[in-house]
C-alpha cells in the first residue's frame, strides 16, 4: 500500500512540473514569431482584490549572451475561475538571423513578490 502512495505522489509531482510555461516558434521569411504560453494556474491573485498583478520580463540572447530583444510587460487581470486549464498567450515578432538563441523569461508577482523564471532554447 505504501508503494502505491509513493508512486502516486511521484506521478503527481511530475504532472505539476509538466504543466509549466511553453514556447512555440515559427519562422516566416526573415521574421520569427514567438508565442509564450503561460498557464492561468501559475498566476496567484491578491486574496483581497482577486487581481493578478505581474511583470513579465522577456529577453532574447544570442549564444554569445548578446541581448537582441528586451521587453517588460505589465500584466493585470482578474483571474477567471473557469480558465484553470487554459493559457495566457504572449506574442512576439522578431527578425532573428539564423543561429541559436535563448529566450529568458521572468514573471514577478507585484503584490506577493514570488518569481518564476525559465530559459528556452531557440534554434
PDB file of N, CA and C in Angstrom:
ATOM      1  N   UNK A   1       0.814  -1.195   0.000  1.00  0.00           N
ATOM      2  CA  UNK A   1       0.000   0.000   0.000  1.00  0.00           C
ATOM      3  C   UNK A   1       0.860   1.262   0.000  1.00  0.00           C
ATOM      4  N   UNK A   2       1.937   1.233   0.787  1.00  0.00           N
ATOM      5  CA  UNK A   2       2.800   2.421   0.853  1.00  0.00           C
ATOM      6  C   UNK A   2       3.509   2.659  -0.478  1.00  0.00           C
ATOM      7  N   UNK A   3       3.810   1.588  -1.221  1.00  0.00           N
ATOM      8  CA  UNK A   3       4.439   1.750  -2.537  1.00  0.00           C
ATOM      9  C   UNK A   3       3.499   2.454  -3.497  1.00  0.00           C
ATOM     10  N   UNK A   4       2.230   2.131  -3.430  1.00  0.00           N
ATOM     11  CA  UNK A   4       1.240   2.777  -4.312  1.00  0.00           C
ATOM     12  C   UNK A   4       1.135   4.262  -3.991  1.00  0.00           C
ATOM     13  N   UNK A   5       1.134   4.600  -2.719  1.00  0.00           N
ATOM     14  CA  UNK A   5       1.057   6.005  -2.315  1.00  0.00           C
ATOM     15  C   UNK A   5       2.298   6.761  -2.782  1.00  0.00           C
ATOM     16  N   UNK A   6       3.460   6.152  -2.641  1.00  0.00           N
ATOM     17  CA  UNK A   6       4.704   6.799  -3.094  1.00  0.00           C
ATOM     18  C   UNK A   6       4.678   7.012  -4.608  1.00  0.00           C
ATOM     19  N   UNK A   7       4.235   6.016  -5.353  1.00  0.00           N
ATOM     20  CA  UNK A   7       4.156   6.138  -6.824  1.00  0.00           C
ATOM     21  C   UNK A   7       3.175   7.232  -7.213  1.00  0.00           C
ATOM     22  N   UNK A   8       2.026   7.296  -6.535  1.00  0.00           N
ATOM     23  CA  UNK A   8       1.051   8.346  -6.832  1.00  0.00           C
ATOM     24  C   UNK A   8       1.608   9.733  -6.518  1.00  0.00           C
ATOM     25  N   UNK A   9       2.347   9.851  -5.433  1.00  0.00           N
ATOM     26  CA  UNK A   9       2.976  11.145  -5.093  1.00  0.00           C
ATOM     27  C   UNK A   9       3.989  11.555  -6.159  1.00  0.00           C
ATOM     28  N   UNK A  10       4.779  10.620  -6.623  1.00  0.00           N
ATOM     29  CA  UNK A  10       5.765  10.918  -7.668  1.00  0.00           C
ATOM     30  C   UNK A  10       5.077  11.325  -8.957  1.00  0.00           C
ATOM     31  N   UNK A  11       4.029  10.612  -9.341  1.00  0.00           N
ATOM     32  CA  UNK A  11       3.288  10.959 -10.559  1.00  0.00           C
ATOM     33  C   UNK A  11       2.642  12.333 -10.445  1.00  0.00           C
ATOM     34  N   UNK A  12       2.100  12.663  -9.282  1.00  0.00           N
ATOM     35  CA  UNK A  12       1.505  13.976  -9.080  1.00  0.00           C
ATOM     36  C   UNK A  12       2.557  15.081  -9.182  1.00  0.00           C
ATOM     37  N   UNK A  13       3.717  14.852  -8.593  1.00  0.00           N
ATOM     38  CA  UNK A  13       4.800  15.847  -8.663  1.00  0.00           C
ATOM     39  C   UNK A  13       5.271  16.028 -10.098  1.00  0.00           C
ATOM     40  N   UNK A  14       5.380  14.959 -10.852  1.00  0.00           N
ATOM     41  CA  UNK A  14       5.812  15.055 -12.244  1.00  0.00           C
ATOM     42  C   UNK A  14       4.771  15.786 -13.078  1.00  0.00           C
ATOM     43  N   UNK A  15       3.485  15.564 -12.806  1.00  0.00           N
ATOM     44  CA  UNK A  15       2.442  16.243 -13.552  1.00  0.00           C
ATOM     45  C   UNK A  15       2.499  17.748 -13.308  1.00  0.00           C
ATOM     46  N   UNK A  16       2.738  18.162 -12.072  1.00  0.00           N
ATOM     47  CA  UNK A  16       2.793  19.592 -11.786  1.00  0.00           C
ATOM     48  C   UNK A  16       4.002  20.241 -12.451  1.00  0.00           C
ATOM     49  N   UNK A  17       5.093  19.498 -12.638  1.00  0.00           N
ATOM     50  CA  UNK A  17       6.246  20.046 -13.338  1.00  0.00           C
ATOM     51  C   UNK A  17       5.995  20.187 -14.832  1.00  0.00           C
ATOM     52  N   UNK A  18       5.177  19.320 -15.402  1.00  0.00           N
ATOM     53  CA  UNK A  18       4.912  19.346 -16.832  1.00  0.00           C
ATOM     54  C   UNK A  18       3.908  20.411 -17.228  1.00  0.00           C
ATOM     55  N   UNK A  19       3.199  20.985 -16.289  1.00  0.00           N
ATOM     56  CA  UNK A  19       2.158  21.948 -16.606  1.00  0.00           C
ATOM     57  C   UNK A  19       2.687  23.381 -16.631  1.00  0.00           C
ATOM     58  N   UNK A  20       3.948  23.589 -16.919  1.00  0.00           N
ATOM     59  CA  UNK A  20       4.548  24.900 -16.874  1.00  0.00           C
ATOM     60  C   UNK A  20       4.439  25.669 -18.176  1.00  0.00           C
ATOM     61  N   UNK A  21       5.285  26.631 -18.289  1.00  0.00           N
ATOM     62  CA  UNK A  21       5.295  27.507 -19.442  1.00  0.00           C
ATOM     63  C   UNK A  21       5.735  26.753 -20.691  1.00  0.00           C
ATOM     64  N   UNK A  22       5.240  27.225 -21.842  1.00  0.00           N
ATOM     65  CA  UNK A  22       5.623  26.637 -23.117  1.00  0.00           C
ATOM     66  C   UNK A  22       5.978  27.765 -24.069  1.00  0.00           C
ATOM     67  N   UNK A  23       6.836  27.458 -25.038  1.00  0.00           N
ATOM     68  CA  UNK A  23       7.198  28.418 -26.068  1.00  0.00           C
ATOM     69  C   UNK A  23       7.021  27.756 -27.421  1.00  0.00           C
ATOM     70  N   UNK A  24       6.310  28.431 -28.297  1.00  0.00           N
ATOM     71  CA  UNK A  24       6.112  27.948 -29.668  1.00  0.00           C
ATOM     72  C   UNK A  24       6.803  28.939 -30.597  1.00  0.00           C
ATOM     73  N   UNK A  25       7.516  28.429 -31.586  1.00  0.00           N
ATOM     74  CA  UNK A  25       8.205  29.292 -32.547  1.00  0.00           C
ATOM     75  C   UNK A  25       7.784  28.932 -33.956  1.00  0.00           C
ATOM     76  N   UNK A  26       7.835  29.951 -34.816  1.00  0.00           N
ATOM     77  CA  UNK A  26       7.505  29.750 -36.219  1.00  0.00           C
ATOM     78  C   UNK A  26       8.343  30.735 -37.027  1.00  0.00           C
ATOM     79  N   UNK A  27       9.016  30.239 -38.041  1.00  0.00           N
ATOM     80  CA  UNK A  27       9.839  31.075 -38.911  1.00  0.00           C
ATOM     81  C   UNK A  27       9.030  31.390 -40.171  1.00  0.00           C
ATOM     82  N   UNK A  28       8.803  32.675 -40.427  1.00  0.00           N
ATOM     83  CA  UNK A  28       8.064  33.120 -41.606  1.00  0.00           C
ATOM     84  C   UNK A  28       8.947  34.132 -42.331  1.00  0.00           C
ATOM     85  N   UNK A  29       9.583  33.693 -43.407  1.00  0.00           N
ATOM     86  CA  UNK A  29      10.517  34.569 -44.111  1.00  0.00           C
ATOM     87  C   UNK A  29      11.678  34.914 -43.211  1.00  0.00           C
ATOM     88  N   UNK A  30      11.936  36.226 -43.050  1.00  0.00           N
ATOM     89  CA  UNK A  30      13.005  36.676 -42.163  1.00  0.00           C
ATOM     90  C   UNK A  30      12.540  36.845 -40.718  1.00  0.00           C
ATOM     91  N   UNK A  31      11.247  36.790 -40.495  1.00  0.00           N
ATOM     92  CA  UNK A  31      10.709  37.024 -39.155  1.00  0.00           C
ATOM     93  C   UNK A  31      10.535  35.723 -38.390  1.00  0.00           C
ATOM     94  N   UNK A  32      10.707  35.821 -37.089  1.00  0.00           N
ATOM     95  CA  UNK A  32      10.461  34.711 -36.188  1.00  0.00           C
ATOM     96  C   UNK A  32       9.298  35.105 -35.292  1.00  0.00           C
ATOM     97  N   UNK A  33       8.260  34.291 -35.297  1.00  0.00           N
ATOM     98  CA  UNK A  33       7.110  34.505 -34.433  1.00  0.00           C
ATOM     99  C   UNK A  33       7.269  33.625 -33.204  1.00  0.00           C
ATOM    100  N   UNK A  34       7.178  34.239 -32.042  1.00  0.00           N
ATOM    101  CA  UNK A  34       7.304  33.528 -30.777  1.00  0.00           C
ATOM    102  C   UNK A  34       5.988  33.666 -30.021  1.00  0.00           C
ATOM    103  N   UNK A  35       5.497  32.554 -29.507  1.00  0.00           N
ATOM    104  CA  UNK A  35       4.286  32.573 -28.685  1.00  0.00           C
ATOM    105  C   UNK A  35       4.648  31.942 -27.349  1.00  0.00           C
ATOM    106  N   UNK A  36       4.631  32.746 -26.302  1.00  0.00           N
ATOM    107  CA  UNK A  36       4.910  32.284 -24.946  1.00  0.00           C
ATOM    108  C   UNK A  36       3.573  31.997 -24.277  1.00  0.00           C
ATOM    109  N   UNK A  37       3.378  30.753 -23.840  1.00  0.00           N
ATOM    110  CA  UNK A  37       2.116  30.325 -23.238  1.00  0.00           C
ATOM    111  C   UNK A  37       2.312  30.153 -21.735  1.00  0.00           C
ATOM    112  N   UNK A  38       1.611  30.970 -20.961  1.00  0.00           N
ATOM    113  CA  UNK A  38       1.694  30.896 -19.503  1.00  0.00           C
ATOM    114  C   UNK A  38       0.370  30.375 -18.959  1.00  0.00           C
ATOM    115  N   UNK A  39       0.383  29.279 -18.220  1.00  0.00           N
ATOM    116  CA  UNK A  39      -0.873  28.727 -17.711  1.00  0.00           C
ATOM    117  C   UNK A  39      -1.495  29.644 -16.653  1.00  0.00           C
ATOM    118  N   UNK A  40      -2.811  29.803 -16.722  1.00  0.00           N
ATOM    119  CA  UNK A  40      -3.519  30.601 -15.717  1.00  0.00           C
ATOM    120  C   UNK A  40      -3.292  30.053 -14.317  1.00  0.00           C
ATOM    121  N   UNK A  41      -3.104  28.748 -14.201  1.00  0.00           N
ATOM    122  CA  UNK A  41      -2.901  28.148 -12.883  1.00  0.00           C
ATOM    123  C   UNK A  41      -1.602  28.610 -12.229  1.00  0.00           C
ATOM    124  N   UNK A  42      -0.685  29.175 -12.997  1.00  0.00           N
ATOM    125  CA  UNK A  42       0.575  29.661 -12.448  1.00  0.00           C
ATOM    126  C   UNK A  42       0.493  31.067 -11.888  1.00  0.00           C
ATOM    127  N   UNK A  43      -0.602  31.764 -12.129  1.00  0.00           N
ATOM    128  CA  UNK A  43      -0.786  33.112 -11.607  1.00  0.00           C
ATOM    129  C   UNK A  43      -1.468  33.034 -10.245  1.00  0.00           C
ATOM    130  N   UNK A  44      -1.001  33.846  -9.300  1.00  0.00           N
ATOM    131  CA  UNK A  44      -1.559  33.863  -7.951  1.00  0.00           C
ATOM    132  C   UNK A  44      -2.116  35.256  -7.676  1.00  0.00           C
ATOM    133  N   UNK A  45      -3.443  35.368  -7.519  1.00  0.00           N
ATOM    134  CA  UNK A  45      -4.036  36.682  -7.295  1.00  0.00           C
ATOM    135  C   UNK A  45      -3.881  37.155  -5.854  1.00  0.00           C
ATOM    136  N   UNK A  46      -4.031  38.456  -5.681  1.00  0.00           N
ATOM    137  CA  UNK A  46      -4.113  39.042  -4.364  1.00  0.00           C
ATOM    138  C   UNK A  46      -5.414  38.548  -3.743  1.00  0.00           C
ATOM    139  N   UNK A  47      -5.376  38.022  -2.534  1.00  0.00           N
ATOM    140  CA  UNK A  47      -6.562  37.425  -1.929  1.00  0.00           C
ATOM    141  C   UNK A  47      -7.641  38.447  -1.611  1.00  0.00           C
ATOM    142  N   UNK A  48      -7.274  39.713  -1.404  1.00  0.00           N
ATOM    143  CA  UNK A  48      -8.277  40.737  -1.099  1.00  0.00           C
ATOM    144  C   UNK A  48      -8.962  41.248  -2.368  1.00  0.00           C
ATOM    145  N   UNK A  49      -8.177  41.480  -3.412  1.00  0.00           N
ATOM    146  CA  UNK A  49      -8.729  42.077  -4.627  1.00  0.00           C
ATOM    147  C   UNK A  49      -9.043  41.065  -5.717  1.00  0.00           C
ATOM    148  N   UNK A  50      -8.488  39.861  -5.620  1.00  0.00           N
ATOM    149  CA  UNK A  50      -8.631  38.803  -6.636  1.00  0.00           C
ATOM    150  C   UNK A  50      -8.073  39.246  -7.995  1.00  0.00           C
ATOM    151  N   UNK A  51      -7.105  40.155  -7.956  1.00  0.00           N
ATOM    152  CA  UNK A  51      -6.457  40.654  -9.167  1.00  0.00           C
ATOM    153  C   UNK A  51      -5.039  40.085  -9.237  1.00  0.00           C
ATOM    154  N   UNK A  52      -4.672  39.571 -10.409  1.00  0.00           N
ATOM    155  CA  UNK A  52      -3.300  39.127 -10.659  1.00  0.00           C
ATOM    156  C   UNK A  52      -2.533  40.330 -11.198  1.00  0.00           C
ATOM    157  N   UNK A  53      -1.465  40.707 -10.540  1.00  0.00           N
ATOM    158  CA  UNK A  53      -0.667  41.870 -10.923  1.00  0.00           C
ATOM    159  C   UNK A  53       0.785  41.418 -11.060  1.00  0.00           C
ATOM    160  N   UNK A  54       1.252  41.307 -12.305  1.00  0.00           N
ATOM    161  CA  UNK A  54       2.564  40.737 -12.600  1.00  0.00           C
ATOM    162  C   UNK A  54       3.345  41.624 -13.562  1.00  0.00           C
ATOM    163  N   UNK A  55       4.657  41.469 -13.531  1.00  0.00           N
ATOM    164  CA  UNK A  55       5.557  41.997 -14.556  1.00  0.00           C
ATOM    165  C   UNK A  55       6.196  40.810 -15.258  1.00  0.00           C
ATOM    166  N   UNK A  56       6.174  40.826 -16.590  1.00  0.00           N
ATOM    167  CA  UNK A  56       6.817  39.794 -17.394  1.00  0.00           C
ATOM    168  C   UNK A  56       8.013  40.415 -18.083  1.00  0.00           C
ATOM    169  N   UNK A  57       9.199  39.921 -17.762  1.00  0.00           N
ATOM    170  CA  UNK A  57      10.444  40.389 -18.352  1.00  0.00           C
ATOM    171  C   UNK A  57      10.896  39.338 -19.363  1.00  0.00           C
ATOM    172  N   UNK A  58      11.049  39.736 -20.630  1.00  0.00           N
ATOM    173  CA  UNK A  58      11.443  38.811 -21.689  1.00  0.00           C
ATOM    174  C   UNK A  58      12.709  39.337 -22.350  1.00  0.00           C
ATOM    175  N   UNK A  59      13.719  38.473 -22.461  1.00  0.00           N
ATOM    176  CA  UNK A  59      14.955  38.791 -23.154  1.00  0.00           C
ATOM    177  C   UNK A  59      15.288  37.655 -24.112  1.00  0.00           C
ATOM    178  N   UNK A  60      15.760  38.011 -25.304  1.00  0.00           N
ATOM    179  CA  UNK A  60      16.278  37.028 -26.247  1.00  0.00           C
ATOM    180  C   UNK A  60      17.770  37.306 -26.393  1.00  0.00           C
ATOM    181  N   UNK A  61      18.582  36.284 -26.096  1.00  0.00           N
ATOM    182  CA  UNK A  61      20.038  36.421 -26.118  1.00  0.00           C
ATOM    183  C   UNK A  61      20.621  35.515 -27.187  1.00  0.00           C
ATOM    184  N   UNK A  62      21.721  35.948 -27.797  1.00  0.00           N
ATOM    185  CA  UNK A  62      22.446  35.092 -28.730  1.00  0.00           C
ATOM    186  C   UNK A  62      23.269  34.089 -27.929  1.00  0.00           C
ATOM    187  N   UNK A  63      23.917  33.173 -28.632  1.00  0.00           N
ATOM    188  CA  UNK A  63      24.768  32.196 -27.939  1.00  0.00           C
ATOM    189  C   UNK A  63      25.966  32.873 -27.278  1.00  0.00           C
ATOM    190  N   UNK A  64      26.282  34.114 -27.685  1.00  0.00           N
ATOM    191  CA  UNK A  64      27.379  34.889 -27.072  1.00  0.00           C
ATOM    192  C   UNK A  64      26.873  35.812 -25.974  1.00  0.00           C
ATOM    193  N   UNK A  65      25.633  35.616 -25.504  1.00  0.00           N
ATOM    194  CA  UNK A  65      24.998  36.419 -24.456  1.00  0.00           C
ATOM    195  C   UNK A  65      24.775  37.875 -24.857  1.00  0.00           C
ATOM    196  N   UNK A  66      24.652  38.137 -26.158  1.00  0.00           N
ATOM    197  CA  UNK A  66      24.310  39.481 -26.622  1.00  0.00           C
ATOM    198  C   UNK A  66      22.789  39.594 -26.653  1.00  0.00           C
ATOM    199  N   UNK A  67      22.262  40.620 -26.002  1.00  0.00           N
ATOM    200  CA  UNK A  67      20.819  40.812 -25.937  1.00  0.00           C
ATOM    201  C   UNK A  67      20.328  41.405 -27.248  1.00  0.00           C
ATOM    202  N   UNK A  68      19.418  40.680 -27.942  1.00  0.00           N
ATOM    203  CA  UNK A  68      18.878  41.155 -29.217  1.00  0.00           C
ATOM    204  C   UNK A  68      17.419  41.590 -29.085  1.00  0.00           C
ATOM    205  N   UNK A  69      16.808  41.325 -27.930  1.00  0.00           N
ATOM    206  CA  UNK A  69      15.425  41.741 -27.711  1.00  0.00           C
ATOM    207  C   UNK A  69      15.158  41.818 -26.219  1.00  0.00           C
ATOM    208  N   UNK A  70      14.466  42.878 -25.816  1.00  0.00           N
ATOM    209  CA  UNK A  70      14.067  43.037 -24.416  1.00  0.00           C
ATOM    210  C   UNK A  70      12.673  43.638 -24.374  1.00  0.00           C
ATOM    211  N   UNK A  71      11.846  43.121 -23.504  1.00  0.00           N
ATOM    212  CA  UNK A  71      10.511  43.679 -23.321  1.00  0.00           C
ATOM    213  C   UNK A  71      10.093  43.461 -21.878  1.00  0.00           C
ATOM    214  N   UNK A  72       9.446  44.469 -21.303  1.00  0.00           N
ATOM    215  CA  UNK A  72       8.887  44.387 -19.961  1.00  0.00           C
ATOM    216  C   UNK A  72       7.405  44.675 -20.095  1.00  0.00           C
ATOM    217  N   UNK A  73       6.594  43.691 -19.734  1.00  0.00           N
ATOM    218  CA  UNK A  73       5.148  43.785 -19.924  1.00  0.00           C
ATOM    219  C   UNK A  73       4.474  43.745 -18.560  1.00  0.00           C
ATOM    220  N   UNK A  74       3.607  44.718 -18.317  1.00  0.00           N
ATOM    221  CA  UNK A  74       2.826  44.718 -17.086  1.00  0.00           C
ATOM    222  C   UNK A  74       1.527  43.969 -17.361  1.00  0.00           C
ATOM    223  N   UNK A  75       1.219  42.974 -16.533  1.00  0.00           N
ATOM    224  CA  UNK A  75       0.033  42.142 -16.685  1.00  0.00           C
ATOM    225  C   UNK A  75      -0.855  42.368 -15.468  1.00  0.00           C
ATOM    226  N   UNK A  76      -2.107  42.712 -15.721  1.00  0.00           N
ATOM    227  CA  UNK A  76      -3.051  42.888 -14.621  1.00  0.00           C
ATOM    228  C   UNK A  76      -4.426  42.411 -15.088  1.00  0.00           C
ATOM    229  N   UNK A  77      -4.963  41.412 -14.407  1.00  0.00           N
ATOM    230  CA  UNK A  77      -6.274  40.877 -14.775  1.00  0.00           C
ATOM    231  C   UNK A  77      -6.884  40.159 -13.583  1.00  0.00           C
ATOM    232  N   UNK A  78      -8.200  40.020 -13.623  1.00  0.00           N
ATOM    233  CA  UNK A  78      -8.906  39.218 -12.628  1.00  0.00           C
ATOM    234  C   UNK A  78      -8.845  37.774 -13.102  1.00  0.00           C
ATOM    235  N   UNK A  79      -8.321  36.912 -12.266  1.00  0.00           N
ATOM    236  CA  UNK A  79      -8.140  35.513 -12.667  1.00  0.00           C
ATOM    237  C   UNK A  79      -9.496  34.820 -12.770  1.00  0.00           C
ATOM    238  N   UNK A  80      -9.832  34.342 -13.955  1.00  0.00           N
ATOM    239  CA  UNK A  80     -11.110  33.643 -14.104  1.00  0.00           C
ATOM    240  C   UNK A  80     -11.044  32.242 -13.520  1.00  0.00           C
ATOM    241  N   UNK A  81     -12.078  31.853 -12.791  1.00  0.00           N
ATOM    242  CA  UNK A  81     -12.115  30.523 -12.181  1.00  0.00           C
ATOM    243  C   UNK A  81     -12.240  29.417 -13.218  1.00  0.00           C
ATOM    244  N   UNK A  82     -12.940  29.690 -14.301  1.00  0.00           N
ATOM    245  CA  UNK A  82     -13.216  28.653 -15.287  1.00  0.00           C
ATOM    246  C   UNK A  82     -12.050  28.400 -16.241  1.00  0.00           C
ATOM    247  N   UNK A  83     -10.986  29.181 -16.152  1.00  0.00           N
ATOM    248  CA  UNK A  83      -9.886  29.050 -17.095  1.00  0.00           C
ATOM    249  C   UNK A  83      -8.645  28.396 -16.493  1.00  0.00           C
ATOM    250  N   UNK A  84      -8.778  27.598 -15.456  1.00  0.00           N
ATOM    251  CA  UNK A  84      -7.622  26.991 -14.803  1.00  0.00           C
ATOM    252  C   UNK A  84      -6.813  26.105 -15.736  1.00  0.00           C
ATOM    253  N   UNK A  85      -7.441  25.515 -16.734  1.00  0.00           N
ATOM    254  CA  UNK A  85      -6.723  24.635 -17.665  1.00  0.00           C
ATOM    255  C   UNK A  85      -6.257  25.393 -18.908  1.00  0.00           C
ATOM    256  N   UNK A  86      -6.554  26.669 -19.000  1.00  0.00           N
ATOM    257  CA  UNK A  86      -6.203  27.473 -20.174  1.00  0.00           C
ATOM    258  C   UNK A  86      -4.870  28.182 -19.964  1.00  0.00           C
ATOM    259  N   UNK A  87      -4.367  28.785 -21.054  1.00  0.00           N
ATOM    260  CA  UNK A  87      -3.096  29.506 -21.002  1.00  0.00           C
ATOM    261  C   UNK A  87      -3.292  30.953 -21.433  1.00  0.00           C
ATOM    262  N   UNK A  88      -2.398  31.814 -20.975  1.00  0.00           N
ATOM    263  CA  UNK A  88      -2.378  33.227 -21.311  1.00  0.00           C
ATOM    264  C   UNK A  88      -1.273  33.390 -22.357  1.00  0.00           C
ATOM    265  N   UNK A  89      -1.617  33.718 -23.618  1.00  0.00           N
ATOM    266  CA  UNK A  89      -0.581  33.782 -24.665  1.00  0.00           C
ATOM    267  C   UNK A  89       0.030  35.183 -24.789  1.00  0.00           C
ATOM    268  N   UNK A  90       1.322  35.211 -25.077  1.00  0.00           N
ATOM    269  CA  UNK A  90       2.036  36.444 -25.399  1.00  0.00           C
ATOM    270  C   UNK A  90       2.718  36.244 -26.742  1.00  0.00           C
ATOM    271  N   UNK A  91       2.548  37.201 -27.644  1.00  0.00           N
ATOM    272  CA  UNK A  91       3.076  37.096 -28.997  1.00  0.00           C
ATOM    273  C   UNK A  91       4.226  38.082 -29.182  1.00  0.00           C
ATOM    274  N   UNK A  92       5.323  37.585 -29.748  1.00  0.00           N
ATOM    275  CA  UNK A  92       6.492  38.412 -30.043  1.00  0.00           C
ATOM    276  C   UNK A  92       6.908  38.142 -31.480  1.00  0.00           C
ATOM    277  N   UNK A  93       7.263  39.193 -32.196  1.00  0.00           N
ATOM    278  CA  UNK A  93       7.711  39.055 -33.583  1.00  0.00           C
ATOM    279  C   UNK A  93       9.076  39.730 -33.692  1.00  0.00           C
ATOM    280  N   UNK A  94      10.070  38.968 -34.113  1.00  0.00           N
ATOM    281  CA  UNK A  94      11.427  39.493 -34.237  1.00  0.00           C
ATOM    282  C   UNK A  94      12.048  39.009 -35.529  1.00  0.00           C
ATOM    283  N   UNK A  95      12.970  39.789 -36.038  1.00  0.00           N
ATOM    284  CA  UNK A  95      13.780  39.384 -37.182  1.00  0.00           C
ATOM    285  C   UNK A  95      15.075  38.821 -36.616  1.00  0.00           C
ATOM    286  N   UNK A  96      15.163  37.506 -36.503  1.00  0.00           N
ATOM    287  CA  UNK A  96      16.350  36.846 -35.942  1.00  0.00           C
ATOM    288  C   UNK A  96      17.124  36.174 -37.062  1.00  0.00           C
ATOM    289  N   UNK A  97      18.407  36.444 -37.105  1.00  0.00           N
ATOM    290  CA  UNK A  97      19.284  35.795 -38.070  1.00  0.00           C
ATOM    291  C   UNK A  97      19.394  34.312 -37.714  1.00  0.00           C
ATOM    292  N   UNK A  98      19.705  33.448 -38.680  1.00  0.00           N
ATOM    293  CA  UNK A  98      19.861  32.018 -38.355  1.00  0.00           C
ATOM    294  C   UNK A  98      20.911  31.817 -37.260  1.00  0.00           C
ATOM    295  N   UNK A  99      20.618  30.917 -36.359  1.00  0.00           N
ATOM    296  CA  UNK A  99      21.529  30.629 -35.253  1.00  0.00           C
ATOM    297  C   UNK A  99      20.765  30.178 -34.033  1.00  0.00           C
ATOM    298  N   UNK A 100      21.497  30.032 -32.939  1.00  0.00           N
ATOM    299  CA  UNK A 100      20.895  29.601 -31.683  1.00  0.00           C
ATOM    300  C   UNK A 100      20.673  30.820 -30.785  1.00  0.00           C
ATOM    301  N   UNK A 101      19.513  30.842 -30.156  1.00  0.00           N
ATOM    302  CA  UNK A 101      19.153  31.918 -29.248  1.00  0.00           C
ATOM    303  C   UNK A 101      18.570  31.321 -27.982  1.00  0.00           C
ATOM    304  N   UNK A 102      18.584  32.117 -26.922  1.00  0.00           N
ATOM    305  CA  UNK A 102      17.972  31.729 -25.665  1.00  0.00           C
ATOM    306  C   UNK A 102      16.945  32.790 -25.311  1.00  0.00           C
ATOM    307  N   UNK A 103      15.700  32.356 -25.075  1.00  0.00           N
ATOM    308  CA  UNK A 103      14.682  33.259 -24.578  1.00  0.00           C
ATOM    309  C   UNK A 103      14.633  33.083 -23.069  1.00  0.00           C
ATOM    310  N   UNK A 104      14.833  34.174 -22.363  1.00  0.00           N
ATOM    311  CA  UNK A 104      14.790  34.174 -20.904  1.00  0.00           C
ATOM    312  C   UNK A 104      13.536  34.922 -20.484  1.00  0.00           C
ATOM    313  N   UNK A 105      12.688  34.281 -19.690  1.00  0.00           N
ATOM    314  CA  UNK A 105      11.501  34.947 -19.181  1.00  0.00           C
ATOM    315  C   UNK A 105      11.516  34.932 -17.663  1.00  0.00           C
ATOM    316  N   UNK A 106      11.049  36.032 -17.089  1.00  0.00           N
ATOM    317  CA  UNK A 106      10.937  36.132 -15.635  1.00  0.00           C
ATOM    318  C   UNK A 106       9.593  36.776 -15.332  1.00  0.00           C
ATOM    319  N   UNK A 107       8.799  36.097 -14.530  1.00  0.00           N
ATOM    320  CA  UNK A 107       7.476  36.558 -14.153  1.00  0.00           C
ATOM    321  C   UNK A 107       7.506  36.911 -12.677  1.00  0.00           C
ATOM    322  N   UNK A 108       7.193  38.167 -12.338  1.00  0.00           N
ATOM    323  CA  UNK A 108       7.276  38.640 -10.960  1.00  0.00           C
ATOM    324  C   UNK A 108       5.893  39.114 -10.515  1.00  0.00           C
ATOM    325  N   UNK A 109       5.421  38.568  -9.400  1.00  0.00           N
ATOM    326  CA  UNK A 109       4.155  38.985  -8.820  1.00  0.00           C
ATOM    327  C   UNK A 109       4.397  40.290  -8.069  1.00  0.00           C
ATOM    328  N   UNK A 110       3.731  41.348  -8.485  1.00  0.00           N
ATOM    329  CA  UNK A 110       3.957  42.669  -7.892  1.00  0.00           C
ATOM    330  C   UNK A 110       3.366  42.791  -6.495  1.00  0.00           C
ATOM    331  N   UNK A 111       2.344  41.992  -6.182  1.00  0.00           N
ATOM    332  CA  UNK A 111       1.728  42.051  -4.853  1.00  0.00           C
ATOM    333  C   UNK A 111       2.419  41.133  -3.859  1.00  0.00           C
ATOM    334  N   UNK A 112       2.663  39.901  -4.255  1.00  0.00           N
ATOM    335  CA  UNK A 112       3.161  38.889  -3.334  1.00  0.00           C
ATOM    336  C   UNK A 112       4.674  38.705  -3.376  1.00  0.00           C
ATOM    337  N   UNK A 113       5.317  39.132  -4.483  1.00  0.00           N
ATOM    338  CA  UNK A 113       6.765  39.048  -4.584  1.00  0.00           C
ATOM    339  C   UNK A 113       7.316  37.743  -5.105  1.00  0.00           C
ATOM    340  N   UNK A 114       6.460  36.741  -5.380  1.00  0.00           N
ATOM    341  CA  UNK A 114       7.003  35.482  -5.888  1.00  0.00           C
ATOM    342  C   UNK A 114       7.470  35.651  -7.326  1.00  0.00           C
ATOM    343  N   UNK A 115       8.477  34.875  -7.698  1.00  0.00           N
ATOM    344  CA  UNK A 115       9.113  34.984  -9.009  1.00  0.00           C
ATOM    345  C   UNK A 115       9.177  33.619  -9.666  1.00  0.00           C
ATOM    346  N   UNK A 116       8.996  33.613 -10.981  1.00  0.00           N
ATOM    347  CA  UNK A 116       9.155  32.411 -11.781  1.00  0.00           C
ATOM    348  C   UNK A 116      10.037  32.779 -12.959  1.00  0.00           C
ATOM    349  N   UNK A 117      11.054  31.981 -13.222  1.00  0.00           N
ATOM    350  CA  UNK A 117      11.906  32.260 -14.386  1.00  0.00           C
ATOM    351  C   UNK A 117      12.170  30.959 -15.125  1.00  0.00           C
ATOM    352  N   UNK A 118      12.408  31.113 -16.410  1.00  0.00           N
ATOM    353  CA  UNK A 118      12.671  29.940 -17.244  1.00  0.00           C
ATOM    354  C   UNK A 118      13.420  30.369 -18.484  1.00  0.00           C
ATOM    355  N   UNK A 119      14.268  29.477 -18.991  1.00  0.00           N
ATOM    356  CA  UNK A 119      15.002  29.687 -20.236  1.00  0.00           C
ATOM    357  C   UNK A 119      14.482  28.718 -21.281  1.00  0.00           C
ATOM    358  N   UNK A 120      14.394  29.187 -22.532  1.00  0.00           N
ATOM    359  CA  UNK A 120      14.007  28.359 -23.651  1.00  0.00           C
ATOM    360  C   UNK A 120      15.081  28.471 -24.715  1.00  0.00           C
ATOM    361  N   UNK A 121      15.478  27.370 -25.304  1.00  0.00           N
ATOM    362  CA  UNK A 121      16.457  27.354 -26.379  1.00  0.00           C
ATOM    363  C   UNK A 121      15.736  27.483 -27.715  1.00  0.00           C
ATOM    364  N   UNK A 122      16.133  28.470 -28.522  1.00  0.00           N
ATOM    365  CA  UNK A 122      15.573  28.679 -29.854  1.00  0.00           C
ATOM    366  C   UNK A 122      16.609  28.260 -30.872  1.00  0.00           C
ATOM    367  N   UNK A 123      16.214  27.486 -31.846  1.00  0.00           N
ATOM    368  CA  UNK A 123      17.146  27.070 -32.890  1.00  0.00           C
ATOM    369  C   UNK A 123      16.706  27.616 -34.213  1.00  0.00           C
TER     370      UNK A 123
END
